[in-house]
Amino acid sequence: MTFLAFDFLEGNYQFHFWDAKGKHSIRIGIGMWLESSLNILAKQVTVAVSGTWRTSKTIEMIIRILGTAFSDTWTSDFITSAARISINRNIWNTSEIPDLTDVALFPNLVGYLVEE
């Protein structure tokens, strides 16, 4: 992952990230689940995401990889011109799912505001 961004447009929340393959986007449902398709390590996966604002500067998102037992909880804190994303996983052993390795699971992240 080389770059990340959030879009908090009314009714259309999204998390974007860029890697060697280009831009990927995940739709975030607020109070509901929204599905998105991603290509992670040359494998197409479908995720469902539901988010909740815990405070005016903290959003918590649950990200489920559909068809698997995997679920991440991402807590994103927006501090001045930075974003810190802490990630908790329900399962760390990926050996039970063919073709999916822990490399596909994101680490904790820190990003900084870039003015366009």
PDB file of N, CA and C in Angstrom:
ATOM      1  N   MET A   1       0.855  -1.170   0.000  1.00  0.00           N
ATOM      2  CA  MET A   1       0.000   0.000   0.000  1.00  0.00           C
ATOM      3  C   MET A   1       0.897   1.228   0.000  1.00  0.00           C
ATOM      4  N   THR A   2       0.643   2.120  -0.960  1.00  0.00           N
ATOM      5  CA  THR A   2       1.475   3.311  -1.064  1.00  0.00           C
ATOM      6  C   THR A   2       0.753   4.587  -0.667  1.00  0.00           C
ATOM      7  N   PHE A   3      -0.577   4.557  -0.665  1.00  0.00           N
ATOM      8  CA  PHE A   3      -1.345   5.768  -0.389  1.00  0.00           C
ATOM      9  C   PHE A   3      -2.732   5.339   0.060  1.00  0.00           C
ATOM     10  N   LEU A   4      -3.346   6.103   0.959  1.00  0.00           N
ATOM     11  CA  LEU A   4      -4.718   5.828   1.380  1.00  0.00           C
ATOM     12  C   LEU A   4      -5.494   7.122   1.498  1.00  0.00           C
ATOM     13  N   ALA A   5      -6.813   7.016   1.381  1.00  0.00           N
ATOM     14  CA  ALA A   5      -7.669   8.204   1.473  1.00  0.00           C
ATOM     15  C   ALA A   5      -9.063   7.787   1.905  1.00  0.00           C
ATOM     16  N   PHE A   6      -9.735   8.694   2.594  1.00  0.00           N
ATOM     17  CA  PHE A   6     -11.137   8.535   2.944  1.00  0.00           C
ATOM     18  C   PHE A   6     -11.939   9.586   2.188  1.00  0.00           C
ATOM     19  N   ASP A   7     -13.131   9.218   1.752  1.00  0.00           N
ATOM     20  CA  ASP A   7     -14.120  10.165   1.240  1.00  0.00           C
ATOM     21  C   ASP A   7     -15.338  10.065   2.139  1.00  0.00           C
ATOM     22  N   PHE A   8     -15.724  11.173   2.747  1.00  0.00           N
ATOM     23  CA  PHE A   8     -16.892  11.191   3.612  1.00  0.00           C
ATOM     24  C   PHE A   8     -17.965  12.084   2.999  1.00  0.00           C
ATOM     25  N   LEU A   9     -18.319  11.804   1.768  1.00  0.00           N
ATOM     26  CA  LEU A   9     -19.399  12.536   1.109  1.00  0.00           C
ATOM     27  C   LEU A   9     -20.720  12.010   1.639  1.00  0.00           C
ATOM     28  N   GLU A  10     -21.680  12.893   1.816  1.00  0.00           N
ATOM     29  CA  GLU A  10     -22.968  12.502   2.375  1.00  0.00           C
ATOM     30  C   GLU A  10     -23.577  11.339   1.597  1.00  0.00           C
ATOM     31  N   GLY A  11     -23.847  10.254   2.326  1.00  0.00           N
ATOM     32  CA  GLY A  11     -24.481   9.091   1.727  1.00  0.00           C
ATOM     33  C   GLY A  11     -23.564   8.219   0.888  1.00  0.00           C
ATOM     34  N   ASN A  12     -22.271   8.528   0.809  1.00  0.00           N
ATOM     35  CA  ASN A  12     -21.358   7.754  -0.026  1.00  0.00           C
ATOM     36  C   ASN A  12     -19.960   7.735   0.594  1.00  0.00           C
ATOM     37  N   TYR A  13     -19.813   7.060   1.736  1.00  0.00           N
ATOM     38  CA  TYR A  13     -18.518   6.975   2.397  1.00  0.00           C
ATOM     39  C   TYR A  13     -17.666   5.896   1.718  1.00  0.00           C
ATOM     40  N   GLN A  14     -16.360   6.202   1.523  1.00  0.00           N
ATOM     41  CA  GLN A  14     -15.459   5.239   0.910  1.00  0.00           C
ATOM     42  C   GLN A  14     -14.057   5.357   1.505  1.00  0.00           C
ATOM     43  N   PHE A  15     -13.373   4.232   1.515  1.00  0.00           N
ATOM     44  CA  PHE A  15     -11.957   4.171   1.843  1.00  0.00           C
ATOM     45  C   PHE A  15     -11.246   3.748   0.563  1.00  0.00           C
ATOM     46  N   HIS A  16     -10.192   4.472   0.189  1.00  0.00           N
ATOM     47  CA  HIS A  16      -9.422   4.165  -1.014  1.00  0.00           C
ATOM     48  C   HIS A  16      -7.986   3.858  -0.615  1.00  0.00           C
ATOM     49  N   PHE A  17      -7.385   2.913  -1.318  1.00  0.00           N
ATOM     50  CA  PHE A  17      -5.960   2.691  -1.148  1.00  0.00           C
ATOM     51  C   PHE A  17      -5.341   2.354  -2.505  1.00  0.00           C
ATOM     52  N   TRP A  18      -4.070   2.677  -2.615  1.00  0.00           N
ATOM     53  CA  TRP A  18      -3.326   2.441  -3.845  1.00  0.00           C
ATOM     54  C   TRP A  18      -2.179   1.483  -3.548  1.00  0.00           C
ATOM     55  N   ASP A  19      -1.933   0.588  -4.488  1.00  0.00           N
ATOM     56  CA  ASP A  19      -0.775  -0.297  -4.414  1.00  0.00           C
ATOM     57  C   ASP A  19      -0.195  -0.434  -5.818  1.00  0.00           C
ATOM     58  N   ALA A  20       0.655  -1.406  -6.030  1.00  0.00           N
ATOM     59  CA  ALA A  20       1.305  -1.577  -7.337  1.00  0.00           C
ATOM     60  C   ALA A  20       0.300  -1.841  -8.457  1.00  0.00           C
ATOM     61  N   LYS A  21      -0.883  -2.343  -8.111  1.00  0.00           N
ATOM     62  CA  LYS A  21      -1.922  -2.625  -9.111  1.00  0.00           C
ATOM     63  C   LYS A  21      -2.826  -1.432  -9.375  1.00  0.00           C
ATOM     64  N   GLY A  22      -2.681  -0.344  -8.597  1.00  0.00           N
ATOM     65  CA  GLY A  22      -3.519   0.837  -8.797  1.00  0.00           C
ATOM     66  C   GLY A  22      -4.437   1.115  -7.626  1.00  0.00           C
ATOM     67  N   LYS A  23      -5.538   1.795  -7.909  1.00  0.00           N
ATOM     68  CA  LYS A  23      -6.474   2.239  -6.875  1.00  0.00           C
ATOM     69  C   LYS A  23      -7.523   1.166  -6.603  1.00  0.00           C
ATOM     70  N   HIS A  24      -7.834   0.995  -5.300  1.00  0.00           N
ATOM     71  CA  HIS A  24      -8.890   0.093  -4.840  1.00  0.00           C
ATOM     72  C   HIS A  24      -9.811   0.910  -3.938  1.00  0.00           C
ATOM     73  N   SER A  25     -11.101   0.655  -4.016  1.00  0.00           N
ATOM     74  CA  SER A  25     -12.063   1.406  -3.202  1.00  0.00           C
ATOM     75  C   SER A  25     -12.972   0.450  -2.447  1.00  0.00           C
ATOM     76  N   ILE A  26     -13.250   0.810  -1.203  1.00  0.00           N
ATOM     77  CA  ILE A  26     -14.152   0.040  -0.356  1.00  0.00           C
ATOM     78  C   ILE A  26     -15.273   0.970   0.084  1.00  0.00           C
ATOM     79  N   ARG A  27     -16.511   0.601  -0.212  1.00  0.00           N
ATOM     80  CA  ARG A  27     -17.665   1.399   0.240  1.00  0.00           C
ATOM     81  C   ARG A  27     -17.943   1.090   1.710  1.00  0.00           C
ATOM     82  N   ILE A  28     -18.285   2.132   2.468  1.00  0.00           N
ATOM     83  CA  ILE A  28     -18.535   2.002   3.903  1.00  0.00           C
ATOM     84  C   ILE A  28     -20.010   2.304   4.163  1.00  0.00           C
ATOM     85  N   GLY A  29     -20.745   1.328   4.654  1.00  0.00           N
ATOM     86  CA  GLY A  29     -22.130   1.567   5.049  1.00  0.00           C
ATOM     87  C   GLY A  29     -22.171   2.115   6.461  1.00  0.00           C
ATOM     88  N   ILE A  30     -22.945   3.137   6.684  1.00  0.00           N
ATOM     89  CA  ILE A  30     -23.113   3.682   8.039  1.00  0.00           C
ATOM     90  C   ILE A  30     -24.457   3.163   8.560  1.00  0.00           C
ATOM     91  N   GLY A  31     -24.370   2.262   9.540  1.00  0.00           N
ATOM     92  CA  GLY A  31     -25.579   1.639  10.077  1.00  0.00           C
ATOM     93  C   GLY A  31     -26.139   0.550   9.173  1.00  0.00           C
ATOM     94  N   MET A  32     -25.392   0.164   8.146  1.00  0.00           N
ATOM     95  CA  MET A  32     -25.805  -0.921   7.248  1.00  0.00           C
ATOM     96  C   MET A  32     -24.546  -1.497   6.604  1.00  0.00           C
ATOM     97  N   TRP A  33     -24.699  -2.631   5.955  1.00  0.00           N
ATOM     98  CA  TRP A  33     -23.581  -3.294   5.289  1.00  0.00           C
ATOM     99  C   TRP A  33     -23.594  -2.953   3.813  1.00  0.00           C
ATOM    100  N   LEU A  34     -22.426  -2.576   3.265  1.00  0.00           N
ATOM    101  CA  LEU A  34     -22.264  -2.354   1.840  1.00  0.00           C
ATOM    102  C   LEU A  34     -21.152  -3.262   1.337  1.00  0.00           C
ATOM    103  N   GLU A  35     -21.356  -3.860   0.160  1.00  0.00           N
ATOM    104  CA  GLU A  35     -20.371  -4.768  -0.413  1.00  0.00           C
ATOM    105  C   GLU A  35     -19.487  -4.068  -1.437  1.00  0.00           C
ATOM    106  N   SER A  36     -18.242  -4.521  -1.517  1.00  0.00           N
ATOM    107  CA  SER A  36     -17.279  -4.061  -2.515  1.00  0.00           C
ATOM    108  C   SER A  36     -16.453  -5.258  -2.948  1.00  0.00           C
ATOM    109  N   SER A  37     -15.982  -5.240  -4.182  1.00  0.00           N
ATOM    110  CA  SER A  37     -15.084  -6.283  -4.681  1.00  0.00           C
ATOM    111  C   SER A  37     -13.683  -5.715  -4.763  1.00  0.00           C
ATOM    112  N   LEU A  38     -12.706  -6.529  -4.345  1.00  0.00           N
ATOM    113  CA  LEU A  38     -11.302  -6.124  -4.365  1.00  0.00           C
ATOM    114  C   LEU A  38     -10.469  -7.224  -4.987  1.00  0.00           C
ATOM    115  N   ASN A  39      -9.343  -6.846  -5.556  1.00  0.00           N
ATOM    116  CA  ASN A  39      -8.373  -7.806  -6.041  1.00  0.00           C
ATOM    117  C   ASN A  39      -7.170  -7.720  -5.112  1.00  0.00           C
ATOM    118  N   ILE A  40      -7.022  -8.727  -4.243  1.00  0.00           N
ATOM    119  CA  ILE A  40      -5.927  -8.755  -3.275  1.00  0.00           C
ATOM    120  C   ILE A  40      -5.034  -9.936  -3.623  1.00  0.00           C
ATOM    121  N   LEU A  41      -3.768  -9.647  -3.898  1.00  0.00           N
ATOM    122  CA  LEU A  41      -2.799 -10.689  -4.255  1.00  0.00           C
ATOM    123  C   LEU A  41      -3.315 -11.562  -5.385  1.00  0.00           C
ATOM    124  N   ALA A  42      -3.863 -10.926  -6.419  1.00  0.00           N
ATOM    125  CA  ALA A  42      -4.372 -11.604  -7.616  1.00  0.00           C
ATOM    126  C   ALA A  42      -5.575 -12.497  -7.321  1.00  0.00           C
ATOM    127  N   LYS A  43      -6.245 -12.268  -6.213  1.00  0.00           N
ATOM    128  CA  LYS A  43      -7.448 -13.026  -5.861  1.00  0.00           C
ATOM    129  C   LYS A  43      -8.597 -12.045  -5.678  1.00  0.00           C
ATOM    130  N   GLN A  44      -9.698 -12.282  -6.382  1.00  0.00           N
ATOM    131  CA  GLN A  44     -10.883 -11.433  -6.265  1.00  0.00           C
ATOM    132  C   GLN A  44     -11.636 -11.816  -4.998  1.00  0.00           C
ATOM    133  N   VAL A  45     -11.862 -10.850  -4.118  1.00  0.00           N
ATOM    134  CA  VAL A  45     -12.622 -11.095  -2.891  1.00  0.00           C
ATOM    135  C   VAL A  45     -13.732 -10.057  -2.783  1.00  0.00           C
ATOM    136  N   THR A  46     -14.795 -10.447  -2.106  1.00  0.00           N
ATOM    137  CA  THR A  46     -15.887  -9.521  -1.827  1.00  0.00           C
ATOM    138  C   THR A  46     -15.896  -9.251  -0.338  1.00  0.00           C
ATOM    139  N   VAL A  47     -15.956  -7.970   0.017  1.00  0.00           N
ATOM    140  CA  VAL A  47     -16.014  -7.574   1.417  1.00  0.00           C
ATOM    141  C   VAL A  47     -17.323  -6.851   1.677  1.00  0.00           C
ATOM    142  N   ALA A  48     -17.788  -6.924   2.907  1.00  0.00           N
ATOM    143  CA  ALA A  48     -18.930  -6.143   3.361  1.00  0.00           C
ATOM    144  C   ALA A  48     -18.436  -5.278   4.502  1.00  0.00           C
ATOM    145  N   VAL A  49     -18.806  -3.987   4.477  1.00  0.00           N
ATOM    146  CA  VAL A  49     -18.285  -3.039   5.455  1.00  0.00           C
ATOM    147  C   VAL A  49     -19.431  -2.257   6.086  1.00  0.00           C
ATOM    148  N   SER A  50     -19.400  -2.160   7.413  1.00  0.00           N
ATOM    149  CA  SER A  50     -20.342  -1.325   8.144  1.00  0.00           C
ATOM    150  C   SER A  50     -19.541  -0.451   9.112  1.00  0.00           C
ATOM    151  N   GLY A  51     -19.865   0.841   9.149  1.00  0.00           N
ATOM    152  CA  GLY A  51     -19.130   1.780   9.993  1.00  0.00           C
ATOM    153  C   GLY A  51     -20.026   2.508  10.974  1.00  0.00           C
ATOM    154  N   THR A  52     -19.410   2.970  12.052  1.00  0.00           N
ATOM    155  CA  THR A  52     -20.090   3.747  13.083  1.00  0.00           C
ATOM    156  C   THR A  52     -19.150   4.838  13.555  1.00  0.00           C
ATOM    157  N   TRP A  53     -19.637   6.075  13.627  1.00  0.00           N
ATOM    158  CA  TRP A  53     -18.835   7.150  14.214  1.00  0.00           C
ATOM    159  C   TRP A  53     -18.899   6.996  15.729  1.00  0.00           C
ATOM    160  N   ARG A  54     -17.745   6.743  16.364  1.00  0.00           N
ATOM    161  CA  ARG A  54     -17.670   6.622  17.826  1.00  0.00           C
ATOM    162  C   ARG A  54     -17.565   7.998  18.482  1.00  0.00           C
ATOM    163  N   THR A  55     -16.835   8.907  17.847  1.00  0.00           N
ATOM    164  CA  THR A  55     -16.755  10.309  18.263  1.00  0.00           C
ATOM    165  C   THR A  55     -16.731  11.124  16.976  1.00  0.00           C
ATOM    166  N   SER A  56     -16.645  12.429  17.082  1.00  0.00           N
ATOM    167  CA  SER A  56     -16.596  13.267  15.877  1.00  0.00           C
ATOM    168  C   SER A  56     -15.296  13.086  15.091  1.00  0.00           C
ATOM    169  N   LYS A  57     -14.296  12.432  15.697  1.00  0.00           N
ATOM    170  CA  LYS A  57     -13.009  12.228  15.027  1.00  0.00           C
ATOM    171  C   LYS A  57     -12.587  10.760  14.953  1.00  0.00           C
ATOM    172  N   THR A  58     -13.495   9.855  15.278  1.00  0.00           N
ATOM    173  CA  THR A  58     -13.172   8.422  15.267  1.00  0.00           C
ATOM    174  C   THR A  58     -14.289   7.638  14.607  1.00  0.00           C
ATOM    175  N   ILE A  59     -13.937   6.936  13.534  1.00  0.00           N
ATOM    176  CA  ILE A  59     -14.887   6.038  12.891  1.00  0.00           C
ATOM    177  C   ILE A  59     -14.391   4.610  13.069  1.00  0.00           C
ATOM    178  N   GLU A  60     -15.306   3.710  13.403  1.00  0.00           N
ATOM    179  CA  GLU A  60     -14.976   2.297  13.536  1.00  0.00           C
ATOM    180  C   GLU A  60     -15.686   1.546  12.423  1.00  0.00           C
ATOM    181  N   MET A  61     -14.920   0.715  11.705  1.00  0.00           N
ATOM    182  CA  MET A  61     -15.485  -0.042  10.591  1.00  0.00           C
ATOM    183  C   MET A  61     -15.232  -1.521  10.819  1.00  0.00           C
ATOM    184  N   ILE A  62     -16.243  -2.333  10.559  1.00  0.00           N
ATOM    185  CA  ILE A  62     -16.072  -3.781  10.560  1.00  0.00           C
ATOM    186  C   ILE A  62     -16.032  -4.211   9.102  1.00  0.00           C
ATOM    187  N   ILE A  63     -14.970  -4.910   8.739  1.00  0.00           N
ATOM    188  CA  ILE A  63     -14.756  -5.350   7.358  1.00  0.00           C
ATOM    189  C   ILE A  63     -14.747  -6.870   7.354  1.00  0.00           C
ATOM    190  N   ARG A  64     -15.717  -7.451   6.661  1.00  0.00           N
ATOM    191  CA  ARG A  64     -15.823  -8.912   6.575  1.00  0.00           C
ATOM    192  C   ARG A  64     -15.470  -9.367   5.168  1.00  0.00           C
ATOM    193  N   ILE A  65     -14.596 -10.356   5.078  1.00  0.00           N
ATOM    194  CA  ILE A  65     -14.316 -10.977   3.793  1.00  0.00           C
ATOM    195  C   ILE A  65     -15.374 -12.054   3.613  1.00  0.00           C
ATOM    196  N   LEU A  66     -16.338 -11.801   2.716  1.00  0.00           N
ATOM    197  CA  LEU A  66     -17.481 -12.696   2.560  1.00  0.00           C
ATOM    198  C   LEU A  66     -17.036 -14.070   2.067  1.00  0.00           C
ATOM    199  N   GLY A  67     -17.706 -15.085   2.573  1.00  0.00           N
ATOM    200  CA  GLY A  67     -17.373 -16.456   2.223  1.00  0.00           C
ATOM    201  C   GLY A  67     -16.261 -17.032   3.074  1.00  0.00           C
ATOM    202  N   THR A  68     -15.769 -16.236   4.043  1.00  0.00           N
ATOM    203  CA  THR A  68     -14.715 -16.698   4.959  1.00  0.00           C
ATOM    204  C   THR A  68     -15.126 -16.339   6.386  1.00  0.00           C
ATOM    205  N   ALA A  69     -14.313 -16.770   7.318  1.00  0.00           N
ATOM    206  CA  ALA A  69     -14.555 -16.412   8.722  1.00  0.00           C
ATOM    207  C   ALA A  69     -13.836 -15.127   9.118  1.00  0.00           C
ATOM    208  N   PHE A  70     -13.147 -14.486   8.149  1.00  0.00           N
ATOM    209  CA  PHE A  70     -12.318 -13.326   8.475  1.00  0.00           C
ATOM    210  C   PHE A  70     -13.123 -12.046   8.656  1.00  0.00           C
ATOM    211  N   SER A  71     -12.740 -11.313   9.689  1.00  0.00           N
ATOM    212  CA  SER A  71     -13.352 -10.020   9.981  1.00  0.00           C
ATOM    213  C   SER A  71     -12.297  -9.131  10.635  1.00  0.00           C
ATOM    214  N   ASP A  72     -12.150  -7.920  10.118  1.00  0.00           N
ATOM    215  CA  ASP A  72     -11.271  -6.910  10.715  1.00  0.00           C
ATOM    216  C   ASP A  72     -12.137  -5.819  11.316  1.00  0.00           C
ATOM    217  N   THR A  73     -11.707  -5.261  12.433  1.00  0.00           N
ATOM    218  CA  THR A  73     -12.304  -4.047  12.969  1.00  0.00           C
ATOM    219  C   THR A  73     -11.250  -2.959  12.869  1.00  0.00           C
ATOM    220  N   TRP A  74     -11.552  -1.946  12.062  1.00  0.00           N
ATOM    221  CA  TRP A  74     -10.632  -0.820  11.856  1.00  0.00           C
ATOM    222  C   TRP A  74     -11.147   0.366  12.648  1.00  0.00           C
ATOM    223  N   THR A  75     -10.306   0.900  13.526  1.00  0.00           N
ATOM    224  CA  THR A  75     -10.636   2.114  14.257  1.00  0.00           C
ATOM    225  C   THR A  75      -9.748   3.221  13.694  1.00  0.00           C
ATOM    226  N   SER A  76     -10.379   4.195  13.071  1.00  0.00           N
ATOM    227  CA  SER A  76      -9.650   5.284  12.410  1.00  0.00           C
ATOM    228  C   SER A  76      -9.823   6.562  13.217  1.00  0.00           C
ATOM    229  N   ASP A  77      -8.704   7.073  13.729  1.00  0.00           N
ATOM    230  CA  ASP A  77      -8.697   8.319  14.493  1.00  0.00           C
ATOM    231  C   ASP A  77      -8.100   9.411  13.614  1.00  0.00           C
ATOM    232  N   PHE A  78      -8.810  10.520  13.507  1.00  0.00           N
ATOM    233  CA  PHE A  78      -8.350  11.652  12.714  1.00  0.00           C
ATOM    234  C   PHE A  78      -7.852  12.721  13.675  1.00  0.00           C
ATOM    235  N   ILE A  79      -6.519  12.934  13.659  1.00  0.00           N
ATOM    236  CA  ILE A  79      -5.862  13.807  14.616  1.00  0.00           C
ATOM    237  C   ILE A  79      -5.150  14.907  13.844  1.00  0.00           C
ATOM    238  N   THR A  80      -5.638  16.135  13.959  1.00  0.00           N
ATOM    239  CA  THR A  80      -5.081  17.283  13.253  1.00  0.00           C
ATOM    240  C   THR A  80      -4.959  16.949  11.771  1.00  0.00           C
ATOM    241  N   SER A  81      -3.746  16.783  11.257  1.00  0.00           N
ATOM    242  CA  SER A  81      -3.567  16.494   9.832  1.00  0.00           C
ATOM    243  C   SER A  81      -3.123  15.048   9.600  1.00  0.00           C
ATOM    244  N   ALA A  82      -3.450  14.149  10.526  1.00  0.00           N
ATOM    245  CA  ALA A  82      -3.045  12.750  10.400  1.00  0.00           C
ATOM    246  C   ALA A  82      -4.235  11.826  10.625  1.00  0.00           C
ATOM    247  N   ALA A  83      -4.103  10.615  10.120  1.00  0.00           N
ATOM    248  CA  ALA A  83      -5.083   9.558  10.371  1.00  0.00           C
ATOM    249  C   ALA A  83      -4.318   8.339  10.873  1.00  0.00           C
ATOM    250  N   ARG A  84      -4.794   7.765  11.961  1.00  0.00           N
ATOM    251  CA  ARG A  84      -4.202   6.543  12.496  1.00  0.00           C
ATOM    252  C   ARG A  84      -5.269   5.460  12.434  1.00  0.00           C
ATOM    253  N   ILE A  85      -4.939   4.345  11.803  1.00  0.00           N
ATOM    254  CA  ILE A  85      -5.883   3.245  11.681  1.00  0.00           C
ATOM    255  C   ILE A  85      -5.335   2.063  12.459  1.00  0.00           C
ATOM    256  N   SER A  86      -6.045   1.674  13.507  1.00  0.00           N
ATOM    257  CA  SER A  86      -5.682   0.501  14.298  1.00  0.00           C
ATOM    258  C   SER A  86      -6.573  -0.648  13.838  1.00  0.00           C
ATOM    259  N   ILE A  87      -5.965  -1.806  13.619  1.00  0.00           N
ATOM    260  CA  ILE A  87      -6.695  -2.928  13.055  1.00  0.00           C
ATOM    261  C   ILE A  87      -6.644  -4.114  14.008  1.00  0.00           C
ATOM    262  N   ASN A  88      -7.820  -4.652  14.323  1.00  0.00           N
ATOM    263  CA  ASN A  88      -7.931  -5.865  15.128  1.00  0.00           C
ATOM    264  C   ASN A  88      -8.558  -6.942  14.260  1.00  0.00           C
ATOM    265  N   ARG A  89      -7.994  -8.141  14.303  1.00  0.00           N
ATOM    266  CA  ARG A  89      -8.487  -9.252  13.496  1.00  0.00           C
ATOM    267  C   ARG A  89      -9.090 -10.328  14.386  1.00  0.00           C
ATOM    268  N   ASN A  90     -10.128 -10.961  13.876  1.00  0.00           N
ATOM    269  CA  ASN A  90     -10.726 -12.057  14.642  1.00  0.00           C
ATOM    270  C   ASN A  90      -9.943 -13.356  14.480  1.00  0.00           C
ATOM    271  N   ILE A  91      -9.196 -13.504  13.362  1.00  0.00           N
ATOM    272  CA  ILE A  91      -8.421 -14.726  13.105  1.00  0.00           C
ATOM    273  C   ILE A  91      -7.074 -14.320  12.529  1.00  0.00           C
ATOM    274  N   TRP A  92      -6.015 -14.880  13.054  1.00  0.00           N
ATOM    275  CA  TRP A  92      -4.680 -14.587  12.519  1.00  0.00           C
ATOM    276  C   TRP A  92      -4.142 -15.717  11.659  1.00  0.00           C
ATOM    277  N   ASN A  93      -4.633 -16.939  11.849  1.00  0.00           N
ATOM    278  CA  ASN A  93      -4.145 -18.082  11.078  1.00  0.00           C
ATOM    279  C   ASN A  93      -4.932 -18.176   9.772  1.00  0.00           C
ATOM    280  N   THR A  94      -4.280 -17.869   8.664  1.00  0.00           N
ATOM    281  CA  THR A  94      -4.961 -17.887   7.363  1.00  0.00           C
ATOM    282  C   THR A  94      -4.769 -19.208   6.627  1.00  0.00           C
ATOM    283  N   SER A  95      -4.116 -20.194   7.240  1.00  0.00           N
ATOM    284  CA  SER A  95      -3.786 -21.438   6.546  1.00  0.00           C
ATOM    285  C   SER A  95      -5.014 -22.250   6.159  1.00  0.00           C
ATOM    286  N   GLU A  96      -6.154 -22.008   6.788  1.00  0.00           N
ATOM    287  CA  GLU A  96      -7.352 -22.782   6.489  1.00  0.00           C
ATOM    288  C   GLU A  96      -8.072 -22.305   5.236  1.00  0.00           C
ATOM    289  N   ILE A  97      -7.681 -21.171   4.683  1.00  0.00           N
ATOM    290  CA  ILE A  97      -8.342 -20.643   3.493  1.00  0.00           C
ATOM    291  C   ILE A  97      -7.363 -20.719   2.333  1.00  0.00           C
ATOM    292  N   PRO A  98      -7.642 -21.552   1.342  1.00  0.00           N
ATOM    293  CA  PRO A  98      -6.711 -21.702   0.214  1.00  0.00           C
ATOM    294  C   PRO A  98      -6.426 -20.365  -0.467  1.00  0.00           C
ATOM    295  N   ASP A  99      -5.187 -20.152  -0.848  1.00  0.00           N
ATOM    296  CA  ASP A  99      -4.744 -18.982  -1.605  1.00  0.00           C
ATOM    297  C   ASP A  99      -4.804 -17.671  -0.841  1.00  0.00           C
ATOM    298  N   LEU A 100      -5.166 -17.671   0.429  1.00  0.00           N
ATOM    299  CA  LEU A 100      -5.180 -16.431   1.205  1.00  0.00           C
ATOM    300  C   LEU A 100      -4.103 -16.522   2.270  1.00  0.00           C
ATOM    301  N   THR A 101      -3.223 -15.539   2.290  1.00  0.00           N
ATOM    302  CA  THR A 101      -2.162 -15.516   3.286  1.00  0.00           C
ATOM    303  C   THR A 101      -2.334 -14.285   4.151  1.00  0.00           C
ATOM    304  N   ASP A 102      -1.616 -14.226   5.253  1.00  0.00           N
ATOM    305  CA  ASP A 102      -1.703 -13.053   6.122  1.00  0.00           C
ATOM    306  C   ASP A 102      -1.128 -11.809   5.466  1.00  0.00           C
ATOM    307  N   VAL A 103      -0.429 -11.959   4.341  1.00  0.00           N
ATOM    308  CA  VAL A 103       0.070 -10.797   3.602  1.00  0.00           C
ATOM    309  C   VAL A 103      -1.105  -9.947   3.112  1.00  0.00           C
ATOM    310  N   ALA A 104      -2.251 -10.587   2.857  1.00  0.00           N
ATOM    311  CA  ALA A 104      -3.427  -9.875   2.357  1.00  0.00           C
ATOM    312  C   ALA A 104      -4.125  -9.073   3.447  1.00  0.00           C
ATOM    313  N   LEU A 105      -3.751  -9.276   4.702  1.00  0.00           N
ATOM    314  CA  LEU A 105      -4.381  -8.567   5.807  1.00  0.00           C
ATOM    315  C   LEU A 105      -3.551  -7.339   6.134  1.00  0.00           C
ATOM    316  N   PHE A 106      -4.201  -6.194   6.191  1.00  0.00           N
ATOM    317  CA  PHE A 106      -3.489  -4.929   6.388  1.00  0.00           C
ATOM    318  C   PHE A 106      -2.878  -4.824   7.783  1.00  0.00           C
ATOM    319  N   PRO A 107      -1.716  -4.158   7.896  1.00  0.00           N
ATOM    320  CA  PRO A 107      -1.143  -3.860   9.212  1.00  0.00           C
ATOM    321  C   PRO A 107      -1.801  -2.594   9.765  1.00  0.00           C
ATOM    322  N   ASN A 108      -1.441  -2.204  10.992  1.00  0.00           N
ATOM    323  CA  ASN A 108      -1.867  -0.894  11.489  1.00  0.00           C
ATOM    324  C   ASN A 108      -1.239   0.165  10.597  1.00  0.00           C
ATOM    325  N   LEU A 109      -1.960   1.253  10.352  1.00  0.00           N
ATOM    326  CA  LEU A 109      -1.550   2.259   9.387  1.00  0.00           C
ATOM    327  C   LEU A 109      -1.540   3.644  10.007  1.00  0.00           C
ATOM    328  N   VAL A 110      -0.660   4.515   9.504  1.00  0.00           N
ATOM    329  CA  VAL A 110      -0.660   5.922   9.859  1.00  0.00           C
ATOM    330  C   VAL A 110      -0.521   6.699   8.562  1.00  0.00           C
ATOM    331  N   GLY A 111      -1.356   7.715   8.383  1.00  0.00           N
ATOM    332  CA  GLY A 111      -1.278   8.544   7.174  1.00  0.00           C
ATOM    333  C   GLY A 111      -1.351  10.009   7.548  1.00  0.00           C
ATOM    334  N   TYR A 112      -1.013  10.861   6.606  1.00  0.00           N
ATOM    335  CA  TYR A 112      -1.008  12.298   6.840  1.00  0.00           C
ATOM    336  C   TYR A 112      -1.811  13.010   5.774  1.00  0.00           C
ATOM    337  N   LEU A 113      -2.427  14.108   6.138  1.00  0.00           N
ATOM    338  CA  LEU A 113      -3.251  14.890   5.241  1.00  0.00           C
ATOM    339  C   LEU A 113      -2.406  15.487   4.130  1.00  0.00           C
ATOM    340  N   VAL A 114      -2.863  15.326   2.905  1.00  0.00           N
ATOM    341  CA  VAL A 114      -2.207  15.906   1.752  1.00  0.00           C
ATOM    342  C   VAL A 114      -3.204  16.881   1.130  1.00  0.00           C
ATOM    343  N   GLU A 115      -2.826  18.130   1.063  1.00  0.00           N
ATOM    344  CA  GLU A 115      -3.677  19.145   0.451  1.00  0.00           C
ATOM    345  C   GLU A 115      -3.566  19.053  -1.051  1.00  0.00           C
ATOM    346  N   GLU A 116      -4.694  19.030  -1.734  1.00  0.00           N
ATOM    347  CA  GLU A 116      -4.668  18.990  -3.203  1.00  0.00           C
ATOM    348  C   GLU A 116      -4.795  20.375  -3.776  1.00  0.00           C
TER     349      GLU A 116
END
